[in-house]
Amino acid sequence: MSLDHNCSTHVSSMCGNNLGPEGVLELWNALEHNTTVEELYLDITGITERGTENIVNCLSKNTSLRTLTIVGNDIGEMGRRRLKELQQRRPGLRIIANFVDDLGLLQAYLDWVEEIQADRDQMDSVKNADALRSVLKGLQVAGRKVERKENAEKAEELQAKIEELLSSSTDLMEGRRPTF
């Protein structure tokens, strides 16, 4: 994996792609000297605690990255500590580590859920159903830590819509099963 040091792309989104531990470690190494990527969205990419091992060393050397979104990943307590350390080393880097930290992110996920509600065929995608479950888990984990009332209200709305969507999807799937 390599990031072109001279490319004109400033935003990179890998949302929903399972990078795996090896892939994300390669990504951090590539970003260490990258000078073009300013925003990196790694929502629901399967990053685990192990995948955060060299994030501090690599991203504290990167001077172009301004926003890192890493929500919907099971990075564990050690991963959260590493993100805090990275934030201390790179105070100009905006790190969004859970769904309730950013109102715009909450709204984007609400819009996505509403899009799925409008087009139920999208629920047939296992990838979408798994992503919804990841978002729901992230909301439940972060739910008690919401400081801003507006974010808490959006998070509750998003959680309710996802639960309703997953519940109705299960009902539909069970309704399609043949009976013998």
Protein backbone atom coordinates (compact mmCIF):
# COMPACT_ATOMS: atom_id res chain seq x y z
CA MET A 1 0.00 0.00 0.00
CA SER A 2 1.38 3.41 -0.85
CA LEU A 3 0.03 6.91 -0.75
CA ASP A 4 1.25 9.11 -3.58
CA HIS A 5 3.24 11.93 -2.01
CA ASN A 6 2.51 14.22 -4.96
CA CYS A 7 -1.15 13.49 -5.62
CA SER A 8 -3.67 16.30 -5.42
CA THR A 9 -6.11 14.32 -3.28
CA HIS A 10 -6.53 15.86 0.15
CA VAL A 11 -9.33 13.66 1.46
CA SER A 12 -9.17 9.90 1.72
CA SER A 13 -12.12 7.76 2.72
CA MET A 14 -11.83 4.06 3.36
CA CYS A 15 -15.12 3.81 5.26
CA GLY A 16 -16.62 0.35 5.34
CA ASN A 17 -13.54 -1.40 3.91
CA ASN A 18 -12.06 -4.02 6.16
CA LEU A 19 -8.40 -3.05 6.32
CA GLY A 20 -7.40 -5.67 8.84
CA PRO A 21 -4.47 -5.28 11.24
CA GLU A 22 -1.75 -5.62 8.60
CA GLY A 23 -3.43 -3.20 6.19
CA VAL A 24 -3.87 -0.48 8.76
CA LEU A 25 -0.28 -0.83 9.96
CA GLU A 26 0.83 -0.31 6.36
CA LEU A 27 -1.48 2.69 6.14
CA TRP A 28 0.07 4.35 9.21
CA ASN A 29 3.55 3.75 7.74
CA ALA A 30 2.51 5.28 4.41
CA LEU A 31 1.03 8.31 6.16
CA GLU A 32 4.16 8.91 8.21
CA HIS A 33 5.78 10.88 5.36
CA ASN A 34 2.71 11.74 3.29
CA THR A 35 2.26 15.47 2.73
CA THR A 36 -1.04 15.61 0.85
CA VAL A 37 -3.76 13.80 2.79
CA GLU A 38 -5.49 16.28 5.10
CA GLU A 39 -8.60 14.30 6.04
CA LEU A 40 -8.77 10.56 6.59
CA TYR A 41 -12.03 8.72 7.22
CA LEU A 42 -11.62 5.21 8.59
CA ASP A 43 -15.16 4.58 9.85
CA ILE A 44 -16.07 0.92 10.31
CA THR A 45 -12.86 -0.45 8.80
CA GLY A 46 -12.20 -3.29 11.23
CA ILE A 47 -9.34 -1.54 13.03
CA THR A 48 -8.61 -3.29 16.31
CA GLU A 49 -6.42 -2.46 19.27
CA ARG A 50 -3.51 -4.15 17.48
CA GLY A 51 -4.13 -1.89 14.50
CA THR A 52 -3.30 1.15 16.60
CA GLU A 53 0.17 -0.12 17.61
CA ASN A 54 2.23 2.33 15.59
CA ILE A 55 -0.33 5.09 15.09
CA VAL A 56 1.38 7.49 17.51
CA ASN A 57 4.87 7.12 16.03
CA CYS A 58 3.71 7.42 12.45
CA LEU A 59 1.04 10.09 12.66
CA SER A 60 2.92 12.34 15.06
CA LYS A 61 5.49 12.80 12.25
CA ASN A 62 2.82 13.58 9.64
CA THR A 63 2.28 17.33 9.32
CA SER A 64 -0.50 17.47 6.72
CA LEU A 65 -3.22 15.36 8.33
CA ARG A 66 -5.80 17.64 10.00
CA THR A 67 -8.74 15.26 10.60
CA LEU A 68 -8.79 11.58 11.48
CA THR A 69 -12.15 9.85 11.87
CA ILE A 70 -11.84 6.35 13.27
CA VAL A 71 -15.34 5.60 14.60
CA GLY A 72 -17.03 2.21 14.56
CA ASN A 73 -13.84 0.28 15.21
CA ASP A 74 -13.11 -1.92 18.21
CA ILE A 75 -9.82 -0.27 19.21
CA GLY A 76 -10.13 -1.15 22.89
CA GLU A 77 -8.81 0.75 25.89
CA MET A 78 -5.20 0.70 24.69
CA GLY A 79 -6.25 2.09 21.31
CA ARG A 80 -8.10 4.94 23.03
CA ARG A 81 -4.99 5.68 25.12
CA ARG A 82 -2.89 5.74 21.97
CA LEU A 83 -5.30 8.21 20.36
CA LYS A 84 -5.06 10.45 23.45
CA GLU A 85 -1.28 10.32 23.25
CA LEU A 86 -1.43 11.17 19.54
CA GLN A 87 -3.73 14.10 20.34
CA GLN A 88 -1.16 15.38 22.86
CA ARG A 89 1.68 15.12 20.35
CA ARG A 90 -0.40 16.59 17.48
CA PRO A 91 -2.78 19.14 19.07
CA GLY A 92 -3.76 20.43 15.60
CA LEU A 93 -5.04 17.00 14.56
CA ARG A 94 -8.78 16.63 15.05
CA ILE A 95 -9.49 13.04 16.07
CA ILE A 96 -13.07 11.80 16.01
CA ALA A 97 -13.02 8.48 17.80
CA ASN A 98 -16.70 7.93 18.55
CA PHE A 99 -19.99 8.74 16.89
CA VAL A 100 -21.17 11.27 19.44
CA ASP A 101 -18.12 13.55 19.20
CA ASP A 102 -19.24 15.27 16.01
CA LEU A 103 -22.69 16.58 15.14
CA GLY A 104 -21.94 16.55 11.40
CA LEU A 105 -20.94 12.90 11.57
CA LEU A 106 -24.12 12.03 13.43
CA GLN A 107 -26.17 13.83 10.78
CA ALA A 108 -24.32 12.05 7.96
CA TYR A 109 -25.13 8.67 9.52
CA LEU A 110 -28.76 9.72 10.06
CA ASP A 111 -28.96 10.64 6.37
CA TRP A 112 -27.49 7.25 5.43
CA VAL A 113 -30.00 5.39 7.63
CA GLU A 114 -32.86 7.37 6.07
CA GLU A 115 -31.52 6.48 2.62
CA ILE A 116 -31.60 2.79 3.58
CA GLN A 117 -35.13 3.19 4.99
CA ALA A 118 -36.24 4.67 1.66
CA ASP A 119 -34.58 1.89 -0.36
CA ARG A 120 -35.07 -1.36 1.59
CA ASP A 121 -33.07 -3.32 -1.00
CA GLN A 122 -29.95 -1.82 0.59
CA MET A 123 -30.69 -3.86 3.72
CA ASP A 124 -30.07 -6.99 1.67
CA SER A 125 -26.40 -6.08 1.75
CA VAL A 126 -24.72 -7.90 4.62
CA LYS A 127 -22.11 -5.14 4.57
CA ASN A 128 -24.79 -2.50 5.32
CA ALA A 129 -26.39 -4.59 8.06
CA ASP A 130 -23.00 -5.20 9.67
CA ALA A 131 -22.14 -1.51 9.39
CA LEU A 132 -25.42 -0.57 11.05
CA ARG A 133 -24.68 -2.98 13.90
CA SER A 134 -21.20 -1.41 14.28
CA VAL A 135 -22.70 2.07 14.40
CA LEU A 136 -25.26 0.90 16.95
CA LYS A 137 -22.55 -0.67 19.13
CA GLY A 138 -20.48 2.52 18.92
CA LEU A 139 -23.48 4.62 19.93
CA GLN A 140 -24.21 2.34 22.87
CA VAL A 141 -20.59 2.43 24.07
CA ALA A 142 -20.32 6.22 23.77
CA GLY A 143 -23.87 6.98 24.86
CA ARG A 144 -23.13 7.85 28.45
CA LYS A 145 -20.20 10.10 27.61
CA VAL A 146 -22.11 12.68 25.57
CA GLU A 147 -21.50 16.16 26.88
CA ARG A 148 -23.38 18.30 24.35
CA LYS A 149 -27.17 18.10 24.52
CA GLU A 150 -27.62 18.52 20.76
CA ASN A 151 -25.23 15.63 20.08
CA ALA A 152 -27.01 13.47 22.66
CA GLU A 153 -30.37 14.09 20.98
CA LYS A 154 -28.99 13.25 17.51
CA ALA A 155 -27.28 10.15 18.89
CA GLU A 156 -30.53 8.96 20.48
CA GLU A 157 -32.41 9.62 17.23
CA LEU A 158 -29.81 7.70 15.21
CA GLN A 159 -29.81 4.80 17.67
CA ALA A 160 -33.61 4.55 17.57
CA LYS A 161 -33.70 4.62 13.76
CA ILE A 162 -31.01 1.95 13.47
CA GLU A 163 -32.74 -0.30 16.02
CA GLU A 164 -36.03 0.13 14.14
CA LEU A 165 -34.38 -0.58 10.80
CA LEU A 166 -32.56 -3.67 12.05
CA SER A 167 -35.71 -4.92 13.78
CA SER A 168 -37.90 -4.47 10.71
CA SER A 169 -35.21 -6.02 8.54
CA THR A 170 -35.14 -9.10 10.80
CA ASP A 171 -38.93 -9.30 10.68
CA LEU A 172 -38.87 -9.11 6.88
CA MET A 173 -36.19 -11.77 6.62
CA GLU A 174 -38.06 -14.07 8.98
CA GLY A 175 -41.25 -13.46 7.00
CA ARG A 176 -39.54 -14.68 3.81
CA ARG A 177 -38.47 -18.00 5.27
CA PRO A 178 -40.30 -20.92 3.75
CA THR A 179 -42.43 -22.94 6.11
CA PHE A 180 -42.46 -26.70 5.81
